[in-house]
C-alpha atoms as a PDB file:
ATOM      1  CA  PRO A   1     100.445 101.224  86.201  1.00  0.00           C
ATOM      2  CA  ARG A   2     101.736 104.752  85.587  1.00  0.00           C
ATOM      3  CA  GLY A   3     102.248 105.657  81.973  1.00  0.00           C
ATOM      4  CA  LYS A   4     104.062 102.774  80.315  1.00  0.00           C
ATOM      5  CA  THR A   5     105.610 101.498  83.526  1.00  0.00           C
ATOM      6  CA  THR A   6     104.234  99.362  86.328  1.00  0.00           C
ATOM      7  CA  SER A   7     104.409 100.040  90.032  1.00  0.00           C
ATOM      8  CA  THR A   8     104.223  97.533  92.861  1.00  0.00           C
ATOM      9  CA  TRP A   9     103.623 100.307  95.402  1.00  0.00           C
ATOM     10  CA  LEU A  10     100.912 102.087  93.413  1.00  0.00           C
ATOM     11  CA  THR A  11      99.096  98.821  92.635  1.00  0.00           C
ATOM     12  CA  ALA A  12      99.114  97.903  96.333  1.00  0.00           C
ATOM     13  CA  TYR A  13      97.901 101.378  97.273  1.00  0.00           C
ATOM     14  CA  VAL A  14      94.980 101.304  94.820  1.00  0.00           C
ATOM     15  CA  ILE A  15      93.949  97.824  95.999  1.00  0.00           C
ATOM     16  CA  ARG A  16      93.935  99.025  99.600  1.00  0.00           C
ATOM     17  CA  VAL A  17      91.807 102.066  98.764  1.00  0.00           C
ATOM     18  CA  ILE A  18      89.301  99.955  96.831  1.00  0.00           C
ATOM     19  CA  THR A  19      89.049  97.218  99.471  1.00  0.00           C
ATOM     20  CA  GLN A  20      88.691  99.772 102.284  1.00  0.00           C
ATOM     21  CA  ALA A  21      85.854 101.423 100.366  1.00  0.00           C
ATOM     22  CA  MET A  22      84.209  98.044  99.751  1.00  0.00           C
ATOM     23  CA  ILE A  23      84.530  97.053 103.412  1.00  0.00           C
ATOM     24  CA  SER A  24      82.737 100.274 104.371  1.00  0.00           C
ATOM     25  CA  GLN A  25      80.183  99.562 101.598  1.00  0.00           C
ATOM     26  CA  THR A  26      81.008 102.826  99.866  1.00  0.00           C
ATOM     27  CA  ILE A  27      81.541 101.236  96.447  1.00  0.00           C
ATOM     28  CA  ASP A  28      81.101  97.920  94.663  1.00  0.00           C
ATOM     29  CA  TYR A  29      83.907  96.371  92.640  1.00  0.00           C
ATOM     30  CA  ASP A  30      84.514  93.212  90.679  1.00  0.00           C
ATOM     31  CA  TYR A  31      86.142  90.375  92.641  1.00  0.00           C
ATOM     32  CA  TRP A  32      88.102  89.099  89.668  1.00  0.00           C
ATOM     33  CA  MET A  33      89.552  92.499  88.823  1.00  0.00           C
ATOM     34  CA  LEU A  34      90.877  92.763  92.372  1.00  0.00           C
ATOM     35  CA  LYS A  35      92.223  89.237  92.260  1.00  0.00           C
ATOM     36  CA  ARG A  36      94.047  89.893  88.987  1.00  0.00           C
ATOM     37  CA  SER A  37      95.745  92.870  90.602  1.00  0.00           C
ATOM     38  CA  LEU A  38      96.700  90.775  93.627  1.00  0.00           C
ATOM     39  CA  ASP A  39      98.025  88.050  91.349  1.00  0.00           C
ATOM     40  CA  TYR A  40     100.202  90.730  89.748  1.00  0.00           C
ATOM     41  CA  LEU A  41     101.519  91.709  93.188  1.00  0.00           C
ATOM     42  CA  SER A  42     102.152  88.053  93.975  1.00  0.00           C
ATOM     43  CA  SER A  43     104.276  87.755  90.839  1.00  0.00           C
ATOM     44  CA  LYS A  44     106.519  90.588  92.085  1.00  0.00           C
ATOM     45  CA  LYS A  45     107.711  88.730  95.178  1.00  0.00           C
ATOM     46  CA  SER A  46     111.386  87.993  95.694  1.00  0.00           C
ATOM     47  CA  ILE A  47     112.476  84.826  97.443  1.00  0.00           C
ATOM     48  CA  GLY A  48     115.809  84.411  99.184  1.00  0.00           C
ATOM     49  CA  THR A  49     116.144  83.327 102.767  1.00  0.00           C
ATOM     50  CA  TYR A  50     112.715  84.958 103.157  1.00  0.00           C
ATOM     51  CA  LEU A  51     109.904  86.060 100.870  1.00  0.00           C
ATOM     52  CA  TYR A  52     109.757  89.841 100.437  1.00  0.00           C
ATOM     53  CA  PHE A  53     108.832  92.607  97.998  1.00  0.00           C
ATOM     54  CA  THR A  54     110.983  95.329  96.466  1.00  0.00           C
ATOM     55  CA  ASN A  55     110.050  98.605  94.871  1.00  0.00           C
ATOM     56  CA  ASP A  56     109.756  99.251  91.156  1.00  0.00           C
ATOM     57  CA  GLY A  57     108.247 102.118  89.254  1.00  0.00           C
ATOM     58  CA  TYR A  58     106.444 104.984  90.939  1.00  0.00           C
ATOM     59  CA  SER A  59     106.453 104.942  94.746  1.00  0.00           C
ATOM     60  CA  LYS A  60     106.058 107.076  97.862  1.00  0.00           C
ATOM     61  CA  ASP A  61     108.789 104.972  99.484  1.00  0.00           C
ATOM     62  CA  PRO A  62     111.062 107.398 101.372  1.00  0.00           C
ATOM     63  CA  TYR A  63     113.877 104.818 101.452  1.00  0.00           C
ATOM     64  CA  HIS A  64     114.137 104.011  97.737  1.00  0.00           C
ATOM     65  CA  PRO A  65     116.346 102.639  96.169  1.00  0.00           C
ATOM     66  CA  ALA A  66     116.278  99.126  97.578  1.00  0.00           C
ATOM     67  CA  THR A  67     117.646  98.756 101.090  1.00  0.00           C
ATOM     68  CA  ILE A  68     116.498  96.783 104.135  1.00  0.00           C
ATOM     69  CA  LYS A  69     114.342  99.781 105.110  1.00  0.00           C
ATOM     70  CA  SER A  70     112.875 100.025 101.618  1.00  0.00           C
ATOM     71  CA  ASN A  71     112.168  96.299 101.383  1.00  0.00           C
ATOM     72  CA  MET A  72     110.575  96.250 104.847  1.00  0.00           C
ATOM     73  CA  TYR A  73     108.401  99.221 103.892  1.00  0.00           C
ATOM     74  CA  THR A  74     107.349  97.735 100.559  1.00  0.00           C
ATOM     75  CA  THR A  75     106.760  94.249 101.949  1.00  0.00           C
ATOM     76  CA  SER A  76     104.513  95.592 104.712  1.00  0.00           C
ATOM     77  CA  PHE A  77     102.675  97.834 102.260  1.00  0.00           C
ATOM     78  CA  VAL A  78     101.987  94.949  99.871  1.00  0.00           C
ATOM     79  CA  LEU A  79     101.018  92.508 102.629  1.00  0.00           C
ATOM     80  CA  LEU A  80      98.382  94.968 103.822  1.00  0.00           C
ATOM     81  CA  SER A  81      96.708  94.691 100.408  1.00  0.00           C
ATOM     82  CA  PHE A  82      96.514  90.903 100.741  1.00  0.00           C
ATOM     83  CA  LEU A  83      95.227  91.200 104.317  1.00  0.00           C
ATOM     84  CA  TYR A  84      92.514  93.706 103.367  1.00  0.00           C
ATOM     85  CA  PHE A  85      91.442  91.350 100.587  1.00  0.00           C
ATOM     86  CA  GLU A  86      91.270  88.473 103.098  1.00  0.00           C
ATOM     87  CA  ARG A  87      89.164  90.613 105.420  1.00  0.00           C
ATOM     88  CA  LEU A  88      86.810  91.618 102.604  1.00  0.00           C
ATOM     89  CA  TRP A  89      86.219  88.178 101.114  1.00  0.00           C
ATOM     90  CA  GLY A  90      86.894  85.947 104.113  1.00  0.00           C
ATOM     91  CA  THR A  91      89.499  83.958 102.234  1.00  0.00           C
ATOM     92  CA  SER A  92      93.095  82.994 102.984  1.00  0.00           C
ATOM     93  CA  TYR A  93      93.945  82.423  99.309  1.00  0.00           C
ATOM     94  CA  TYR A  94      97.150  84.422  99.699  1.00  0.00           C
ATOM     95  CA  GLY A  95      97.871  83.108 103.169  1.00  0.00           C
ATOM     96  CA  PHE A  96     101.204  81.538 102.228  1.00  0.00           C
ATOM     97  CA  ILE A  97     102.528  84.842 100.864  1.00  0.00           C
ATOM     98  CA  VAL A  98     101.353  86.719 103.950  1.00  0.00           C
ATOM     99  CA  ASP A  99     102.852  84.182 106.354  1.00  0.00           C
ATOM    100  CA  GLN A 100     106.185  84.066 104.557  1.00  0.00           C
ATOM    101  CA  GLY A 101     106.311  87.829 104.195  1.00  0.00           C
ATOM    102  CA  MET A 102     105.666  88.213 107.912  1.00  0.00           C
ATOM    103  CA  ASN A 103     108.682  85.993 108.578  1.00  0.00           C
ATOM    104  CA  TYR A 104     110.752  88.565 106.664  1.00  0.00           C
ATOM    105  CA  LEU A 105     109.266  91.438 108.683  1.00  0.00           C
ATOM    106  CA  ASP A 106     110.000  89.609 111.916  1.00  0.00           C
ATOM    107  CA  ALA A 107     113.598  88.851 110.933  1.00  0.00           C
ATOM    108  CA  TYR A 108     114.528  92.448 110.062  1.00  0.00           C
ATOM    109  CA  TYR A 109     112.238  94.393 112.399  1.00  0.00           C
ATOM    110  CA  ASP A 110     115.059  95.541 114.674  1.00  0.00           C
ATOM    111  CA  GLN A 111     117.075  96.913 111.750  1.00  0.00           C
ATOM    112  CA  VAL A 112     114.655  99.610 110.590  1.00  0.00           C
ATOM    113  CA  ASP A 113     113.479 102.959 111.871  1.00  0.00           C
ATOM    114  CA  ALA A 114     110.067 104.101 113.041  1.00  0.00           C
ATOM    115  CA  TYR A 115     108.010 104.160 109.828  1.00  0.00           C
ATOM    116  CA  PRO A 116     108.718 100.628 108.506  1.00  0.00           C
ATOM    117  CA  ALA A 117     108.463  99.317 112.084  1.00  0.00           C
ATOM    118  CA  ALA A 118     105.017 100.882 112.506  1.00  0.00           C
ATOM    119  CA  LEU A 119     103.828  99.448 109.195  1.00  0.00           C
ATOM    120  CA  ALA A 120     105.089  96.012 110.236  1.00  0.00           C
ATOM    121  CA  CYS A 121     103.296  96.284 113.586  1.00  0.00           C
ATOM    122  CA  TYR A 122     100.014  96.984 111.809  1.00  0.00           C
ATOM    123  CA  VAL A 123     100.538  93.888 109.656  1.00  0.00           C
ATOM    124  CA  PHE A 124     101.263  91.824 112.786  1.00  0.00           C
ATOM    125  CA  ALA A 125      98.155  93.251 114.473  1.00  0.00           C
ATOM    126  CA  LEU A 126      95.874  92.406 111.537  1.00  0.00           C
ATOM    127  CA  ARG A 127      97.069  88.814 111.746  1.00  0.00           C
ATOM    128  CA  ASP A 128      97.066  88.933 115.589  1.00  0.00           C
ATOM    129  CA  ALA A 129     100.620  87.581 115.571  1.00  0.00           C
ATOM    130  CA  LYS A 130     101.717  86.183 118.915  1.00  0.00           C
ATOM    131  CA  ASN A 131     104.603  88.650 119.211  1.00  0.00           C
ATOM    132  CA  VAL A 132     102.763  91.815 118.123  1.00  0.00           C
ATOM    133  CA  ARG A 133     102.548  93.271 121.632  1.00  0.00           C
ATOM    134  CA  GLU A 134     106.262  92.675 122.106  1.00  0.00           C
ATOM    135  CA  LYS A 135     106.937  94.467 118.814  1.00  0.00           C
ATOM    136  CA  LEU A 136     104.762  97.405 119.834  1.00  0.00           C
ATOM    137  CA  SER A 137     106.512  97.630 123.196  1.00  0.00           C
ATOM    138  CA  ASN A 138     109.840  97.702 121.356  1.00  0.00           C
ATOM    139  CA  LEU A 139     108.556 100.459 119.077  1.00  0.00           C
ATOM    140  CA  GLU A 140     107.293 102.443 122.076  1.00  0.00           C
ATOM    141  CA  SER A 141     110.665 102.359 123.807  1.00  0.00           C
ATOM    142  CA  ARG A 142     112.606 103.286 120.669  1.00  0.00           C
ATOM    143  CA  TYR A 143     110.401 105.797 118.917  1.00  0.00           C
ATOM    144  CA  GLY A 144     107.543 106.861 121.193  1.00  0.00           C
ATOM    145  CA  ARG A 145     107.491 110.609 121.891  1.00  0.00           C
ATOM    146  CA  THR A 146     105.157 112.728 124.026  1.00  0.00           C
ATOM    147  CA  SER A 147     104.193 116.337 123.375  1.00  0.00           C
ATOM    148  CA  SER A 148     101.541 118.705 124.672  1.00  0.00           C
ATOM    149  CA  SER A 149      99.281 117.444 121.861  1.00  0.00           C
ATOM    150  CA  GLY A 150      99.589 113.758 122.742  1.00  0.00           C
ATOM    151  CA  ARG A 151     101.669 110.773 121.667  1.00  0.00           C
ATOM    152  CA  TYR A 152     103.509 110.371 118.363  1.00  0.00           C
ATOM    153  CA  TYR A 153     106.265 108.204 116.874  1.00  0.00           C
ATOM    154  CA  SER A 154     109.395 109.385 115.147  1.00  0.00           C
ATOM    155  CA  THR A 155     112.997 108.363 114.557  1.00  0.00           C
ATOM    156  CA  SER A 156     113.960 111.952 115.378  1.00  0.00           C
ATOM    157  CA  ASP A 157     113.984 113.273 118.938  1.00  0.00           C
ATOM    158  CA  SER A 158     112.799 116.681 117.780  1.00  0.00           C
ATOM    159  CA  SER A 159     109.088 117.487 117.765  1.00  0.00           C
ATOM    160  CA  THR A 160     107.734 117.292 114.228  1.00  0.00           C
ATOM    161  CA  SER A 161     104.438 116.720 112.441  1.00  0.00           C
ATOM    162  CA  ASP A 162     105.830 116.005 108.990  1.00  0.00           C
ATOM    163  CA  SER A 163     104.225 113.487 106.677  1.00  0.00           C
ATOM    164  CA  ILE A 164     106.343 110.513 107.797  1.00  0.00           C
ATOM    165  CA  THR A 165     105.602 111.176 111.481  1.00  0.00           C
ATOM    166  CA  VAL A 166     101.854 111.455 110.800  1.00  0.00           C
ATOM    167  CA  LEU A 167     101.897 108.207 108.790  1.00  0.00           C
ATOM    168  CA  THR A 168     103.978 106.392 111.404  1.00  0.00           C
ATOM    169  CA  SER A 169     101.719 107.489 114.242  1.00  0.00           C
ATOM    170  CA  SER A 170      98.582 106.592 112.275  1.00  0.00           C
ATOM    171  CA  TYR A 171      99.799 103.027 111.705  1.00  0.00           C
ATOM    172  CA  VAL A 172     100.707 102.614 115.380  1.00  0.00           C
ATOM    173  CA  ALA A 173      97.231 103.826 116.339  1.00  0.00           C
ATOM    174  CA  LEU A 174      95.649 101.388 113.889  1.00  0.00           C
ATOM    175  CA  ALA A 175      97.664  98.518 115.374  1.00  0.00           C
ATOM    176  CA  TYR A 176      96.475  99.372 118.885  1.00  0.00           C
ATOM    177  CA  ILE A 177      92.875  99.764 117.696  1.00  0.00           C
ATOM    178  CA  LYS A 178      92.967  96.376 115.975  1.00  0.00           C
ATOM    179  CA  LEU A 179      94.191  94.807 119.223  1.00  0.00           C
ATOM    180  CA  GLY A 180      91.506  96.557 121.254  1.00  0.00           C
ATOM    181  CA  MET A 181      94.087  98.623 123.150  1.00  0.00           C
ATOM    182  CA  TYR A 182      92.119 101.866 122.994  1.00  0.00           C
ATOM    183  CA  THR A 183      93.809 103.568 125.946  1.00  0.00           C
ATOM    184  CA  LYS A 184      97.084 103.263 123.996  1.00  0.00           C
ATOM    185  CA  ALA A 185      95.472 104.582 120.825  1.00  0.00           C
ATOM    186  CA  ASN A 186      93.761 107.548 122.503  1.00  0.00           C
ATOM    187  CA  PRO A 187      96.789 109.875 122.975  1.00  0.00           C
ATOM    188  CA  ILE A 188      97.884 109.145 119.394  1.00  0.00           C
ATOM    189  CA  ILE A 189      94.476 110.125 118.040  1.00  0.00           C
ATOM    190  CA  GLU A 190      94.645 113.270 120.167  1.00  0.00           C
ATOM    191  CA  TRP A 191      98.037 114.100 118.672  1.00  0.00           C
ATOM    192  CA  LEU A 192      96.753 113.523 115.120  1.00  0.00           C
ATOM    193  CA  HIS A 193      93.888 115.914 115.828  1.00  0.00           C
ATOM    194  CA  GLY A 194      96.184 118.450 117.440  1.00  0.00           C
ATOM    195  CA  VAL A 195      98.652 118.739 114.556  1.00  0.00           C
ATOM    196  CA  ARG A 196      96.125 119.189 111.762  1.00  0.00           C
ATOM    197  CA  LYS A 197      96.412 122.337 109.711  1.00  0.00           C
ATOM    198  CA  TYR A 198      93.765 125.051 109.843  1.00  0.00           C
ATOM    199  CA  SER A 199      92.072 123.500 106.796  1.00  0.00           C
ATOM    200  CA  GLY A 200      91.706 120.185 108.660  1.00  0.00           C
ATOM    201  CA  ASN A 201      94.251 118.215 106.644  1.00  0.00           C
ATOM    202  CA  HIS A 202      97.870 117.339 107.407  1.00  0.00           C
ATOM    203  CA  ASN A 203     100.750 117.609 104.913  1.00  0.00           C
ATOM    204  CA  GLU A 204      99.550 115.774 101.820  1.00  0.00           C
ATOM    205  CA  ALA A 205      96.803 113.446 100.617  1.00  0.00           C
ATOM    206  CA  HIS A 206      98.501 110.227 101.776  1.00  0.00           C
ATOM    207  CA  ASP A 207      99.166 111.138 105.402  1.00  0.00           C
ATOM    208  CA  SER A 208      95.840 112.990 105.692  1.00  0.00           C
ATOM    209  CA  ALA A 209      93.980 109.898 104.467  1.00  0.00           C
ATOM    210  CA  MET A 210      95.760 107.575 106.912  1.00  0.00           C
ATOM    211  CA  ALA A 211      95.199 109.927 109.853  1.00  0.00           C
ATOM    212  CA  LEU A 212      91.519 110.161 108.945  1.00  0.00           C
ATOM    213  CA  TYR A 213      91.277 106.383 108.630  1.00  0.00           C
ATOM    214  CA  ALA A 214      92.881 105.854 112.045  1.00  0.00           C
ATOM    215  CA  THR A 215      90.553 108.435 113.571  1.00  0.00           C
ATOM    216  CA  SER A 216      87.456 106.880 111.992  1.00  0.00           C
ATOM    217  CA  GLU A 217      88.454 103.373 113.137  1.00  0.00           C
ATOM    218  CA  TYR A 218      88.955 104.704 116.659  1.00  0.00           C
ATOM    219  CA  ALA A 219      85.559 106.458 116.577  1.00  0.00           C
ATOM    220  CA  LYS A 220      83.817 103.131 115.912  1.00  0.00           C
ATOM    221  CA  HIS A 221      84.753 102.007 119.414  1.00  0.00           C
END
């Protein structure tokens, strides 16, 4: 919630932060409080030909208002919360929502640009979907860029280290790390290191946190 409104994106983001901290044993948190939040997210699903999620309330969605790009972004973002919960508690309680949401991501993957595609690839990697390597290869050919700092991913051909590019590259790195493809992740991690500001951060809290998370996951291996 934010003020008197609710936010699908913000709820998903908070759940992810809490579950990541619990996975790393940084904090303890009540199972039922998390589940109530996930039940709220579940209630926000839309069902047409596929199951998907749309934005409402406060959001960092760069594609808002609702479009295919926005819905792909939001659906991936919400599914990650369910998948982190599954990883934490070893349960597939929300498995139907994840599976059906992944069908939506698969159907519209070719219609979005780099950022939603990278998010979707991370979702596919966490579930070890049979076509995840094909999706990553597609993303590489469409959006992979090489600079003196390493490898990054952007819809634009011009060299940039803006927030969206940092987030996109971080999610691609996380997908490769989850699949054990560390040689693919290495030049991305190098790029993330190379484009940090003098203070050690990137552009804002969100992209800095994701770059740090990708780097820390890579360091474990």
